[in-house]
Structures are given as structure tokens and as C-alpha cells.
Amino acid sequence: MNDKDILSSLDVVIEQRKNASPDQSYVASLFDKGLEEIQKKVGEEAIEAILAAEKSDDKALISEVADLWFHSLVLLSSRKLLSSAVLDELERRFGLSGIDEKAARKEL
């Protein structure tokens, strides 16, 4: 399974679970608590990834980044967006200088 397949599969699972019973689904429980809770979880996972990066345990860092990515997908879903939109944006940026890309965003 390639990266796009995994992310697309997660998009589908998140969409299926967000309207499930909050008692039966973690994703549904996040949606039940509202956007602020989803945003909070993304922030918490970002901090945990940063803290894991300070240590030499690569497995812990990978696990925390996976949590961050997952919760970011939940956040995207809250706006009815799919992971493919992020992949398209990354593809658009591929080959661009980071400095040039950032400067172009400031012009908008």
C-alpha cells in the first residue's frame, strides 16, 4: 500500500466514524466535543512530537508524529477536506525553494 492509499483509507475511516456513537469511536468522541477539542488534540500531539524529538528514541518520535498526522486528518475532516488536498499542496511546492514559496505566500 502506498502513502496515498494509507492516507485515503484513513480519510474514509475518519469519515465513517465521525458520526458513530462517541462511546464506540474515539473519532466520534472528538467530533462530539467540537472543533476546539480537535484543535487542542492537534496542539497536544505537536508538543508531544517535539518532546519526543529531544530524546534518542526514534520509535517514540515516529509514534508521536503518527498521532500528530492522524489528528491533523481529523482536523481536515472537520472542514470537509481530505488528505489529498495536502498532498496536492506538497506536490505543488515540490522543487520550489522554501524561501521562494514562503515569500509567495506573503504576497497573497
PDB file of N, CA and C in Angstrom:
ATOM      1  N   MET A   1       0.854  -1.180   0.000  1.00  0.00           N
ATOM      2  CA  MET A   1       0.000   0.000   0.000  1.00  0.00           C
ATOM      3  C   MET A   1       0.898   1.240   0.000  1.00  0.00           C
ATOM      4  N   ASN A   2       0.645   2.174  -0.912  1.00  0.00           N
ATOM      5  CA  ASN A   2       1.481   3.372  -0.940  1.00  0.00           C
ATOM      6  C   ASN A   2       0.933   4.440   0.006  1.00  0.00           C
ATOM      7  N   ASP A   3       1.686   5.524   0.151  1.00  0.00           N
ATOM      8  CA  ASP A   3       1.333   6.578   1.096  1.00  0.00           C
ATOM      9  C   ASP A   3      -0.052   7.153   0.842  1.00  0.00           C
ATOM     10  N   LYS A   4      -0.363   7.412  -0.436  1.00  0.00           N
ATOM     11  CA  LYS A   4      -1.675   7.973  -0.757  1.00  0.00           C
ATOM     12  C   LYS A   4      -2.787   7.006  -0.384  1.00  0.00           C
ATOM     13  N   ASP A   5      -2.564   5.702  -0.581  1.00  0.00           N
ATOM     14  CA  ASP A   5      -3.584   4.711  -0.226  1.00  0.00           C
ATOM     15  C   ASP A   5      -3.843   4.706   1.278  1.00  0.00           C
ATOM     16  N   ILE A   6      -2.791   4.769   2.066  1.00  0.00           N
ATOM     17  CA  ILE A   6      -2.947   4.767   3.520  1.00  0.00           C
ATOM     18  C   ILE A   6      -3.703   6.013   3.960  1.00  0.00           C
ATOM     19  N   LEU A   7      -3.311   7.167   3.448  1.00  0.00           N
ATOM     20  CA  LEU A   7      -3.987   8.403   3.833  1.00  0.00           C
ATOM     21  C   LEU A   7      -5.434   8.415   3.354  1.00  0.00           C
ATOM     22  N   SER A   8      -5.672   7.948   2.139  1.00  0.00           N
ATOM     23  CA  SER A   8      -7.050   7.873   1.624  1.00  0.00           C
ATOM     24  C   SER A   8      -7.890   6.924   2.468  1.00  0.00           C
ATOM     25  N   SER A   9      -7.299   5.814   2.865  1.00  0.00           N
ATOM     26  CA  SER A   9      -8.009   4.867   3.721  1.00  0.00           C
ATOM     27  C   SER A   9      -8.346   5.492   5.068  1.00  0.00           C
ATOM     28  N   LEU A  10      -7.420   6.244   5.619  1.00  0.00           N
ATOM     29  CA  LEU A  10      -7.692   6.945   6.876  1.00  0.00           C
ATOM     30  C   LEU A  10      -8.790   7.983   6.695  1.00  0.00           C
ATOM     31  N   ASP A  11      -8.783   8.698   5.576  1.00  0.00           N
ATOM     32  CA  ASP A  11      -9.865   9.657   5.284  1.00  0.00           C
ATOM     33  C   ASP A  11     -11.223   8.961   5.356  1.00  0.00           C
ATOM     34  N   VAL A  12     -11.314   7.795   4.735  1.00  0.00           N
ATOM     35  CA  VAL A  12     -12.575   7.045   4.691  1.00  0.00           C
ATOM     36  C   VAL A  12     -12.982   6.602   6.092  1.00  0.00           C
ATOM     37  N   VAL A  13     -12.037   6.065   6.846  1.00  0.00           N
ATOM     38  CA  VAL A  13     -12.336   5.585   8.201  1.00  0.00           C
ATOM     39  C   VAL A  13     -12.787   6.746   9.083  1.00  0.00           C
ATOM     40  N   ILE A  14     -12.095   7.867   9.014  1.00  0.00           N
ATOM     41  CA  ILE A  14     -12.467   9.029   9.820  1.00  0.00           C
ATOM     42  C   ILE A  14     -13.877   9.483   9.454  1.00  0.00           C
ATOM     43  N   GLU A  15     -14.164   9.548   8.169  1.00  0.00           N
ATOM     44  CA  GLU A  15     -15.497   9.968   7.715  1.00  0.00           C
ATOM     45  C   GLU A  15     -16.572   9.009   8.226  1.00  0.00           C
ATOM     46  N   GLN A  16     -16.287   7.711   8.182  1.00  0.00           N
ATOM     47  CA  GLN A  16     -17.250   6.717   8.653  1.00  0.00           C
ATOM     48  C   GLN A  16     -17.479   6.817  10.161  1.00  0.00           C
ATOM     49  N   ARG A  17     -16.417   7.089  10.883  1.00  0.00           N
ATOM     50  CA  ARG A  17     -16.509   7.041  12.345  1.00  0.00           C
ATOM     51  C   ARG A  17     -16.964   8.347  12.978  1.00  0.00           C
ATOM     52  N   LYS A  18     -16.877   9.453  12.272  1.00  0.00           N
ATOM     53  CA  LYS A  18     -17.185  10.723  12.926  1.00  0.00           C
ATOM     54  C   LYS A  18     -18.648  10.853  13.330  1.00  0.00           C
ATOM     55  N   ASN A  19     -19.532  10.090  12.711  1.00  0.00           N
ATOM     56  CA  ASN A  19     -20.946  10.131  13.074  1.00  0.00           C
ATOM     57  C   ASN A  19     -21.379   8.912  13.880  1.00  0.00           C
ATOM     58  N   ALA A  20     -20.424   8.117  14.305  1.00  0.00           N
ATOM     59  CA  ALA A  20     -20.715   6.947  15.137  1.00  0.00           C
ATOM     60  C   ALA A  20     -21.012   7.409  16.567  1.00  0.00           C
ATOM     61  N   SER A  21     -21.298   6.460  17.406  1.00  0.00           N
ATOM     62  CA  SER A  21     -21.531   6.771  18.807  1.00  0.00           C
ATOM     63  C   SER A  21     -20.208   7.190  19.467  1.00  0.00           C
ATOM     64  N   PRO A  22     -20.207   8.311  20.171  1.00  0.00           N
ATOM     65  CA  PRO A  22     -18.976   8.729  20.869  1.00  0.00           C
ATOM     66  C   PRO A  22     -18.475   7.706  21.882  1.00  0.00           C
ATOM     67  N   ASP A  23     -19.378   6.851  22.348  1.00  0.00           N
ATOM     68  CA  ASP A  23     -18.974   5.798  23.280  1.00  0.00           C
ATOM     69  C   ASP A  23     -18.267   4.646  22.571  1.00  0.00           C
ATOM     70  N   GLN A  24     -18.457   4.551  21.261  1.00  0.00           N
ATOM     71  CA  GLN A  24     -17.912   3.446  20.479  1.00  0.00           C
ATOM     72  C   GLN A  24     -16.706   3.839  19.632  1.00  0.00           C
ATOM     73  N   SER A  25     -16.506   5.153  19.419  1.00  0.00           N
ATOM     74  CA  SER A  25     -15.467   5.602  18.496  1.00  0.00           C
ATOM     75  C   SER A  25     -14.728   6.808  19.052  1.00  0.00           C
ATOM     76  N   TYR A  26     -13.410   6.704  19.072  1.00  0.00           N
ATOM     77  CA  TYR A  26     -12.589   7.836  19.510  1.00  0.00           C
ATOM     78  C   TYR A  26     -12.792   9.041  18.595  1.00  0.00           C
ATOM     79  N   VAL A  27     -12.839   8.797  17.284  1.00  0.00           N
ATOM     80  CA  VAL A  27     -13.044   9.881  16.322  1.00  0.00           C
ATOM     81  C   VAL A  27     -14.387  10.558  16.589  1.00  0.00           C
ATOM     82  N   ALA A  28     -15.423   9.762  16.776  1.00  0.00           N
ATOM     83  CA  ALA A  28     -16.744  10.322  17.067  1.00  0.00           C
ATOM     84  C   ALA A  28     -16.720  11.135  18.354  1.00  0.00           C
ATOM     85  N   SER A  29     -15.961  10.677  19.345  1.00  0.00           N
ATOM     86  CA  SER A  29     -15.892  11.422  20.614  1.00  0.00           C
ATOM     87  C   SER A  29     -15.232  12.787  20.410  1.00  0.00           C
ATOM     88  N   LEU A  30     -14.233  12.851  19.532  1.00  0.00           N
ATOM     89  CA  LEU A  30     -13.610  14.148  19.230  1.00  0.00           C
ATOM     90  C   LEU A  30     -14.611  15.080  18.555  1.00  0.00           C
ATOM     91  N   PHE A  31     -15.318  14.565  17.548  1.00  0.00           N
ATOM     92  CA  PHE A  31     -16.303  15.387  16.851  1.00  0.00           C
ATOM     93  C   PHE A  31     -17.432  15.805  17.783  1.00  0.00           C
ATOM     94  N   ASP A  32     -17.820  14.922  18.692  1.00  0.00           N
ATOM     95  CA  ASP A  32     -18.883  15.227  19.646  1.00  0.00           C
ATOM     96  C   ASP A  32     -18.480  16.380  20.563  1.00  0.00           C
ATOM     97  N   LYS A  33     -17.201  16.458  20.904  1.00  0.00           N
ATOM     98  CA  LYS A  33     -16.709  17.522  21.780  1.00  0.00           C
ATOM     99  C   LYS A  33     -16.506  18.840  21.040  1.00  0.00           C
ATOM    100  N   GLY A  34     -16.417  18.781  19.713  1.00  0.00           N
ATOM    101  CA  GLY A  34     -16.351  20.005  18.920  1.00  0.00           C
ATOM    102  C   GLY A  34     -14.962  20.339  18.401  1.00  0.00           C
ATOM    103  N   LEU A  35     -14.951  21.347  17.551  1.00  0.00           N
ATOM    104  CA  LEU A  35     -13.722  21.768  16.868  1.00  0.00           C
ATOM    105  C   LEU A  35     -12.621  22.155  17.845  1.00  0.00           C
ATOM    106  N   GLU A  36     -12.978  22.832  18.903  1.00  0.00           N
ATOM    107  CA  GLU A  36     -11.955  23.258  19.872  1.00  0.00           C
ATOM    108  C   GLU A  36     -11.191  22.063  20.443  1.00  0.00           C
ATOM    109  N   GLU A  37     -11.893  20.973  20.700  1.00  0.00           N
ATOM    110  CA  GLU A  37     -11.231  19.769  21.225  1.00  0.00           C
ATOM    111  C   GLU A  37     -10.302  19.159  20.176  1.00  0.00           C
ATOM    112  N   ILE A  38     -10.745  19.161  18.927  1.00  0.00           N
ATOM    113  CA  ILE A  38      -9.908  18.635  17.847  1.00  0.00           C
ATOM    114  C   ILE A  38      -8.647  19.488  17.715  1.00  0.00           C
ATOM    115  N   GLN A  39      -8.812  20.800  17.747  1.00  0.00           N
ATOM    116  CA  GLN A  39      -7.659  21.706  17.666  1.00  0.00           C
ATOM    117  C   GLN A  39      -6.708  21.466  18.839  1.00  0.00           C
ATOM    118  N   LYS A  40      -7.265  21.291  20.017  1.00  0.00           N
ATOM    119  CA  LYS A  40      -6.465  21.045  21.215  1.00  0.00           C
ATOM    120  C   LYS A  40      -5.643  19.764  21.058  1.00  0.00           C
ATOM    121  N   LYS A  41      -6.262  18.707  20.516  1.00  0.00           N
ATOM    122  CA  LYS A  41      -5.549  17.447  20.331  1.00  0.00           C
ATOM    123  C   LYS A  41      -4.404  17.597  19.330  1.00  0.00           C
ATOM    124  N   VAL A  42      -4.615  18.356  18.265  1.00  0.00           N
ATOM    125  CA  VAL A  42      -3.532  18.583  17.299  1.00  0.00           C
ATOM    126  C   VAL A  42      -2.374  19.287  17.996  1.00  0.00           C
ATOM    127  N   GLY A  43      -2.691  20.296  18.789  1.00  0.00           N
ATOM    128  CA  GLY A  43      -1.651  21.018  19.528  1.00  0.00           C
ATOM    129  C   GLY A  43      -0.912  20.120  20.510  1.00  0.00           C
ATOM    130  N   GLU A  44      -1.646  19.304  21.246  1.00  0.00           N
ATOM    131  CA  GLU A  44      -1.024  18.386  22.205  1.00  0.00           C
ATOM    132  C   GLU A  44      -0.091  17.410  21.499  1.00  0.00           C
ATOM    133  N   GLU A  45      -0.566  16.878  20.376  1.00  0.00           N
ATOM    134  CA  GLU A  45       0.254  15.910  19.643  1.00  0.00           C
ATOM    135  C   GLU A  45       1.499  16.567  19.058  1.00  0.00           C
ATOM    136  N   ALA A  46       1.383  17.819  18.630  1.00  0.00           N
ATOM    137  CA  ALA A  46       2.552  18.541  18.111  1.00  0.00           C
ATOM    138  C   ALA A  46       3.591  18.715  19.219  1.00  0.00           C
ATOM    139  N   ILE A  47       3.135  19.076  20.397  1.00  0.00           N
ATOM    140  CA  ILE A  47       4.053  19.244  21.533  1.00  0.00           C
ATOM    141  C   ILE A  47       4.703  17.908  21.888  1.00  0.00           C
ATOM    142  N   GLU A  48       3.908  16.847  21.902  1.00  0.00           N
ATOM    143  CA  GLU A  48       4.464  15.532  22.220  1.00  0.00           C
ATOM    144  C   GLU A  48       5.499  15.094  21.180  1.00  0.00           C
ATOM    145  N   ALA A  49       5.275  15.428  19.926  1.00  0.00           N
ATOM    146  CA  ALA A  49       6.262  15.096  18.886  1.00  0.00           C
ATOM    147  C   ALA A  49       7.553  15.886  19.107  1.00  0.00           C
ATOM    148  N   ILE A  50       7.415  17.144  19.446  1.00  0.00           N
ATOM    149  CA  ILE A  50       8.598  17.978  19.721  1.00  0.00           C
ATOM    150  C   ILE A  50       9.380  17.421  20.902  1.00  0.00           C
ATOM    151  N   LEU A  51       8.673  17.048  21.948  1.00  0.00           N
ATOM    152  CA  LEU A  51       9.345  16.493  23.130  1.00  0.00           C
ATOM    153  C   LEU A  51      10.010  15.161  22.815  1.00  0.00           C
ATOM    154  N   ALA A  52       9.360  14.341  22.003  1.00  0.00           N
ATOM    155  CA  ALA A  52       9.953  13.055  21.619  1.00  0.00           C
ATOM    156  C   ALA A  52      11.212  13.260  20.789  1.00  0.00           C
ATOM    157  N   ALA A  53      11.243  14.328  20.004  1.00  0.00           N
ATOM    158  CA  ALA A  53      12.406  14.605  19.156  1.00  0.00           C
ATOM    159  C   ALA A  53      13.638  14.963  19.986  1.00  0.00           C
ATOM    160  N   GLU A  54      13.422  15.392  21.211  1.00  0.00           N
ATOM    161  CA  GLU A  54      14.546  15.739  22.082  1.00  0.00           C
ATOM    162  C   GLU A  54      15.265  14.509  22.617  1.00  0.00           C
ATOM    163  N   LYS A  55      14.617  13.356  22.508  1.00  0.00           N
ATOM    164  CA  LYS A  55      15.184  12.116  23.025  1.00  0.00           C
ATOM    165  C   LYS A  55      15.742  11.288  21.874  1.00  0.00           C
ATOM    166  N   SER A  56      16.464  10.247  22.202  1.00  0.00           N
ATOM    167  CA  SER A  56      17.086   9.425  21.157  1.00  0.00           C
ATOM    168  C   SER A  56      16.228   8.236  20.738  1.00  0.00           C
ATOM    169  N   ASP A  57      14.988   8.183  21.212  1.00  0.00           N
ATOM    170  CA  ASP A  57      14.097   7.058  20.917  1.00  0.00           C
ATOM    171  C   ASP A  57      13.334   7.322  19.618  1.00  0.00           C
ATOM    172  N   ASP A  58      13.862   6.816  18.508  1.00  0.00           N
ATOM    173  CA  ASP A  58      13.238   7.043  17.200  1.00  0.00           C
ATOM    174  C   ASP A  58      11.829   6.469  17.131  1.00  0.00           C
ATOM    175  N   LYS A  59      11.619   5.339  17.767  1.00  0.00           N
ATOM    176  CA  LYS A  59      10.297   4.711  17.749  1.00  0.00           C
ATOM    177  C   LYS A  59       9.260   5.617  18.405  1.00  0.00           C
ATOM    178  N   ALA A  60       9.627   6.256  19.493  1.00  0.00           N
ATOM    179  CA  ALA A  60       8.706   7.178  20.178  1.00  0.00           C
ATOM    180  C   ALA A  60       8.398   8.385  19.295  1.00  0.00           C
ATOM    181  N   LEU A  61       9.412   8.907  18.624  1.00  0.00           N
ATOM    182  CA  LEU A  61       9.197  10.043  17.729  1.00  0.00           C
ATOM    183  C   LEU A  61       8.249   9.659  16.591  1.00  0.00           C
ATOM    184  N   ILE A  62       8.485   8.507  15.996  1.00  0.00           N
ATOM    185  CA  ILE A  62       7.617   8.044  14.909  1.00  0.00           C
ATOM    186  C   ILE A  62       6.177   7.892  15.411  1.00  0.00           C
ATOM    187  N   SER A  63       6.012   7.340  16.583  1.00  0.00           N
ATOM    188  CA  SER A  63       4.684   7.149  17.161  1.00  0.00           C
ATOM    189  C   SER A  63       3.986   8.491  17.382  1.00  0.00           C
ATOM    190  N   GLU A  64       4.702   9.455  17.905  1.00  0.00           N
ATOM    191  CA  GLU A  64       4.110  10.773  18.163  1.00  0.00           C
ATOM    192  C   GLU A  64       3.768  11.512  16.870  1.00  0.00           C
ATOM    193  N   VAL A  65       4.613  11.380  15.867  1.00  0.00           N
ATOM    194  CA  VAL A  65       4.316  12.017  14.572  1.00  0.00           C
ATOM    195  C   VAL A  65       3.097  11.335  13.937  1.00  0.00           C
ATOM    196  N   ALA A  66       2.982  10.023  14.092  1.00  0.00           N
ATOM    197  CA  ALA A  66       1.795   9.323  13.590  1.00  0.00           C
ATOM    198  C   ALA A  66       0.535   9.862  14.275  1.00  0.00           C
ATOM    199  N   ASP A  67       0.613  10.085  15.583  1.00  0.00           N
ATOM    200  CA  ASP A  67      -0.527  10.669  16.307  1.00  0.00           C
ATOM    201  C   ASP A  67      -0.848  12.069  15.781  1.00  0.00           C
ATOM    202  N   LEU A  68       0.193  12.856  15.537  1.00  0.00           N
ATOM    203  CA  LEU A  68       0.005  14.213  15.011  1.00  0.00           C
ATOM    204  C   LEU A  68      -0.649  14.178  13.640  1.00  0.00           C
ATOM    205  N   TRP A  69      -0.161  13.311  12.776  1.00  0.00           N
ATOM    206  CA  TRP A  69      -0.740  13.196  11.431  1.00  0.00           C
ATOM    207  C   TRP A  69      -2.197  12.767  11.512  1.00  0.00           C
ATOM    208  N   PHE A  70      -2.473  11.772  12.351  1.00  0.00           N
ATOM    209  CA  PHE A  70      -3.845  11.283  12.480  1.00  0.00           C
ATOM    210  C   PHE A  70      -4.782  12.407  12.937  1.00  0.00           C
ATOM    211  N   HIS A  71      -4.397  13.104  13.984  1.00  0.00           N
ATOM    212  CA  HIS A  71      -5.249  14.174  14.489  1.00  0.00           C
ATOM    213  C   HIS A  71      -5.350  15.331  13.496  1.00  0.00           C
ATOM    214  N   SER A  72      -4.313  15.528  12.696  1.00  0.00           N
ATOM    215  CA  SER A  72      -4.391  16.534  11.623  1.00  0.00           C
ATOM    216  C   SER A  72      -5.410  16.117  10.570  1.00  0.00           C
ATOM    217  N   LEU A  73      -5.485  14.823  10.277  1.00  0.00           N
ATOM    218  CA  LEU A  73      -6.501  14.323   9.344  1.00  0.00           C
ATOM    219  C   LEU A  73      -7.907  14.518   9.909  1.00  0.00           C
ATOM    220  N   VAL A  74      -8.058  14.329  11.208  1.00  0.00           N
ATOM    221  CA  VAL A  74      -9.352  14.579  11.853  1.00  0.00           C
ATOM    222  C   VAL A  74      -9.700  16.065  11.721  1.00  0.00           C
ATOM    223  N   LEU A  75      -8.723  16.932  11.935  1.00  0.00           N
ATOM    224  CA  LEU A  75      -8.948  18.371  11.787  1.00  0.00           C
ATOM    225  C   LEU A  75      -9.357  18.716  10.353  1.00  0.00           C
ATOM    226  N   LEU A  76      -8.670  18.160   9.381  1.00  0.00           N
ATOM    227  CA  LEU A  76      -9.050  18.379   7.978  1.00  0.00           C
ATOM    228  C   LEU A  76     -10.487  17.918   7.735  1.00  0.00           C
ATOM    229  N   SER A  77     -10.838  16.761   8.262  1.00  0.00           N
ATOM    230  CA  SER A  77     -12.180  16.217   8.087  1.00  0.00           C
ATOM    231  C   SER A  77     -13.245  17.147   8.676  1.00  0.00           C
ATOM    232  N   SER A  78     -12.885  17.835   9.754  1.00  0.00           N
ATOM    233  CA  SER A  78     -13.842  18.763  10.366  1.00  0.00           C
ATOM    234  C   SER A  78     -14.207  19.904   9.419  1.00  0.00           C
ATOM    235  N   ARG A  79     -13.334  20.152   8.442  1.00  0.00           N
ATOM    236  CA  ARG A  79     -13.581  21.181   7.417  1.00  0.00           C
ATOM    237  C   ARG A  79     -13.987  20.563   6.085  1.00  0.00           C
ATOM    238  N   LYS A  80     -14.291  19.255   6.105  1.00  0.00           N
ATOM    239  CA  LYS A  80     -14.667  18.505   4.908  1.00  0.00           C
ATOM    240  C   LYS A  80     -13.548  18.498   3.857  1.00  0.00           C
ATOM    241  N   LEU A  81     -12.317  18.438   4.342  1.00  0.00           N
ATOM    242  CA  LEU A  81     -11.141  18.371   3.481  1.00  0.00           C
ATOM    243  C   LEU A  81     -10.521  16.989   3.596  1.00  0.00           C
ATOM    244  N   LEU A  82      -9.839  16.579   2.541  1.00  0.00           N
ATOM    245  CA  LEU A  82      -9.189  15.268   2.507  1.00  0.00           C
ATOM    246  C   LEU A  82      -7.675  15.409   2.509  1.00  0.00           C
ATOM    247  N   SER A  83      -7.015  14.341   2.859  1.00  0.00           N
ATOM    248  CA  SER A  83      -5.552  14.332   2.859  1.00  0.00           C
ATOM    249  C   SER A  83      -4.999  14.639   1.469  1.00  0.00           C
ATOM    250  N   SER A  84      -5.742  14.296   0.435  1.00  0.00           N
ATOM    251  CA  SER A  84      -5.275  14.546  -0.933  1.00  0.00           C
ATOM    252  C   SER A  84      -5.046  16.030  -1.186  1.00  0.00           C
ATOM    253  N   ALA A  85      -5.788  16.898  -0.509  1.00  0.00           N
ATOM    254  CA  ALA A  85      -5.591  18.339  -0.672  1.00  0.00           C
ATOM    255  C   ALA A  85      -4.208  18.751  -0.159  1.00  0.00           C
ATOM    256  N   VAL A  86      -3.775  18.149   0.941  1.00  0.00           N
ATOM    257  CA  VAL A  86      -2.445  18.442   1.493  1.00  0.00           C
ATOM    258  C   VAL A  86      -1.373  17.855   0.579  1.00  0.00           C
ATOM    259  N   LEU A  87      -1.599  16.639   0.098  1.00  0.00           N
ATOM    260  CA  LEU A  87      -0.632  16.027  -0.821  1.00  0.00           C
ATOM    261  C   LEU A  87      -0.512  16.844  -2.103  1.00  0.00           C
ATOM    262  N   ASP A  88      -1.629  17.362  -2.596  1.00  0.00           N
ATOM    263  CA  ASP A  88      -1.584  18.221  -3.783  1.00  0.00           C
ATOM    264  C   ASP A  88      -0.773  19.483  -3.524  1.00  0.00           C
ATOM    265  N   GLU A  89      -0.941  20.053  -2.337  1.00  0.00           N
ATOM    266  CA  GLU A  89      -0.187  21.265  -1.991  1.00  0.00           C
ATOM    267  C   GLU A  89       1.304  20.959  -1.870  1.00  0.00           C
ATOM    268  N   LEU A  90       1.636  19.827  -1.263  1.00  0.00           N
ATOM    269  CA  LEU A  90       3.044  19.438  -1.175  1.00  0.00           C
ATOM    270  C   LEU A  90       3.633  19.195  -2.555  1.00  0.00           C
ATOM    271  N   GLU A  91       2.842  18.578  -3.417  1.00  0.00           N
ATOM    272  CA  GLU A  91       3.300  18.336  -4.784  1.00  0.00           C
ATOM    273  C   GLU A  91       3.526  19.661  -5.513  1.00  0.00           C
ATOM    274  N   ARG A  92       2.620  20.623  -5.292  1.00  0.00           N
ATOM    275  CA  ARG A  92       2.772  21.935  -5.914  1.00  0.00           C
ATOM    276  C   ARG A  92       4.071  22.603  -5.472  1.00  0.00           C
ATOM    277  N   ARG A  93       4.403  22.418  -4.214  1.00  0.00           N
ATOM    278  CA  ARG A  93       5.603  23.039  -3.658  1.00  0.00           C
ATOM    279  C   ARG A  93       6.892  22.310  -4.018  1.00  0.00           C
ATOM    280  N   PHE A  94       6.781  21.062  -4.453  1.00  0.00           N
ATOM    281  CA  PHE A  94       7.962  20.250  -4.722  1.00  0.00           C
ATOM    282  C   PHE A  94       8.818  20.925  -5.786  1.00  0.00           C
ATOM    283  N   GLY A  95      10.094  21.052  -5.501  1.00  0.00           N
ATOM    284  CA  GLY A  95      11.011  21.678  -6.448  1.00  0.00           C
ATOM    285  C   GLY A  95      11.117  23.175  -6.282  1.00  0.00           C
ATOM    286  N   LEU A  96      10.252  23.756  -5.434  1.00  0.00           N
ATOM    287  CA  LEU A  96      10.347  25.191  -5.153  1.00  0.00           C
ATOM    288  C   LEU A  96      11.292  25.399  -3.972  1.00  0.00           C
ATOM    289  N   SER A  97      11.993  26.479  -4.016  1.00  0.00           N
ATOM    290  CA  SER A  97      12.791  26.858  -2.860  1.00  0.00           C
ATOM    291  C   SER A  97      11.826  27.201  -1.727  1.00  0.00           C
ATOM    292  N   GLY A  98      12.126  26.730  -0.541  1.00  0.00           N
ATOM    293  CA  GLY A  98      11.301  27.069   0.618  1.00  0.00           C
ATOM    294  C   GLY A  98      11.229  28.561   0.844  1.00  0.00           C
ATOM    295  N   ILE A  99      12.322  29.234   0.591  1.00  0.00           N
ATOM    296  CA  ILE A  99      12.358  30.691   0.750  1.00  0.00           C
ATOM    297  C   ILE A  99      11.436  31.355  -0.265  1.00  0.00           C
ATOM    298  N   ASP A 100      11.490  30.900  -1.533  1.00  0.00           N
ATOM    299  CA  ASP A 100      10.631  31.463  -2.573  1.00  0.00           C
ATOM    300  C   ASP A 100       9.155  31.161  -2.296  1.00  0.00           C
ATOM    301  N   GLU A 101       8.862  29.954  -1.848  1.00  0.00           N
ATOM    302  CA  GLU A 101       7.475  29.563  -1.575  1.00  0.00           C
ATOM    303  C   GLU A 101       6.917  30.400  -0.450  1.00  0.00           C
ATOM    304  N   LYS A 102       7.702  30.604   0.597  1.00  0.00           N
ATOM    305  CA  LYS A 102       7.237  31.395   1.734  1.00  0.00           C
ATOM    306  C   LYS A 102       7.025  32.850   1.334  1.00  0.00           C
ATOM    307  N   ALA A 103       7.888  33.387   0.512  1.00  0.00           N
ATOM    308  CA  ALA A 103       7.751  34.760   0.033  1.00  0.00           C
ATOM    309  C   ALA A 103       6.479  34.912  -0.813  1.00  0.00           C
ATOM    310  N   ALA A 104       6.155  33.901  -1.608  1.00  0.00           N
ATOM    311  CA  ALA A 104       4.946  33.954  -2.433  1.00  0.00           C
ATOM    312  C   ALA A 104       3.693  33.969  -1.576  1.00  0.00           C
ATOM    313  N   ARG A 105       3.719  33.284  -0.437  1.00  0.00           N
ATOM    314  CA  ARG A 105       2.556  33.284   0.463  1.00  0.00           C
ATOM    315  C   ARG A 105       2.353  34.654   1.082  1.00  0.00           C
ATOM    316  N   LYS A 106       3.427  35.367   1.369  1.00  0.00           N
ATOM    317  CA  LYS A 106       3.329  36.699   1.968  1.00  0.00           C
ATOM    318  C   LYS A 106       2.703  37.696   0.995  1.00  0.00           C
ATOM    319  N   GLU A 107       2.868  37.437  -0.295  1.00  0.00           N
ATOM    320  CA  GLU A 107       2.321  38.346  -1.305  1.00  0.00           C
ATOM    321  C   GLU A 107       0.814  38.223  -1.408  1.00  0.00           C
ATOM    322  N   LEU A 108       0.239  37.126  -0.950  1.00  0.00           N
ATOM    323  CA  LEU A 108      -1.208  36.912  -1.022  1.00  0.00           C
ATOM    324  C   LEU A 108      -1.903  37.733  -0.030  1.00  0.00           C
TER     325      LEU A 108
END
